[in-house]
């Protein structure tokens, strides 16, 4: 039977997130989630939250949470934008700032949501190849473009760039919006926040999903000039003025306010990451330097998809990307010390 309406539907290959296990006995190291609980204040908010507040709309301006974030970064609340996770913030930024006929630029090996948004919003783009060590060459971005997106640190490689690198990038691209995606910056990389006062075209996107253990809450935010933030607000308010719910706003503020717990958790993850990297190298793995909460590894003798499948059989989930240049690499989220010890023990059995 002829169905002509099918020809009018949007055809797109969506982003595929890490698998969520169906049982509780899985060691889950495949989605870059934090293995530790959120700040104690988060638990208190959830315990005492007045559910009567759910009968009314939340604060569309999110004043309390924006103020907490602004104070942490020594900015004004008008320089903070909130969204339903950093993916929501990035999607809105793509719609808001990448509106020319010139291609936007980003690395060829990076967060796989970027090409999805480009296809969805009909944004032309060009991939800038990482070098053989998976590093970014800043000179690759010295060309006419409609915008730049650069994760720092990059995913899935884990590599970061310096503040000097970021300023070089901005100095040579002042006629477009430059987005620095800092989803993993809290685990050891240099943030671009000090450059905000100098570059009005800089937008920094961060998330509470990784370093603040709130992946299940979906709180992301952007930091930038009032010009960029007001543009984001206008685009958001053109289709949904209430992207953040009342519970998320309260939980987010409690998390941002607890700086000591945040720093403690980041140190624990980073320490376990570095210890696990050495253990993996002792097993013969090549481990890329990481400034994130994950490790990107390859083995000279055992193929990545075989290791991935063998670990899955043992109840350990990691991430494998069947993509050009990285189809023999694995991404391993940093778990607790106990989880990582079990991973190393399982790998020793697999590699025998």
Foldseek 3Di string as FASTA:
>chain_A
DDDVVVVVDDDADADDAFDDDPDDLFAEFAHQFFQDAFDPVLVVCVVPPDCVCQVDADDLLLVLLLVLVCVVLVHDSLQKDKFQALVRVVLLLCVLFQDDQFAEEEAPDFDVRVVRSCSVNVGHHDHDYQPLLRHDDLVSLLDDGSEYEYEAVGPPAQDGDALVSVVVNCVSPQPGAYEYEDAFCLLAYDDNSVCQVPHQRYKYKYGCRNLRRVVVQRMIMIGHHSVSSVSSCVSCVVVDSRRHGPSSSSSSSSRSVCPVVSNVSSVQLNVQVVVLCVLVVVVQWDWRDHSGQKIKIAHPPDAQVVLQVQVVVVSYHWDADCDPPRNRITITGRHHNVSSVVVSVSVVVVSD
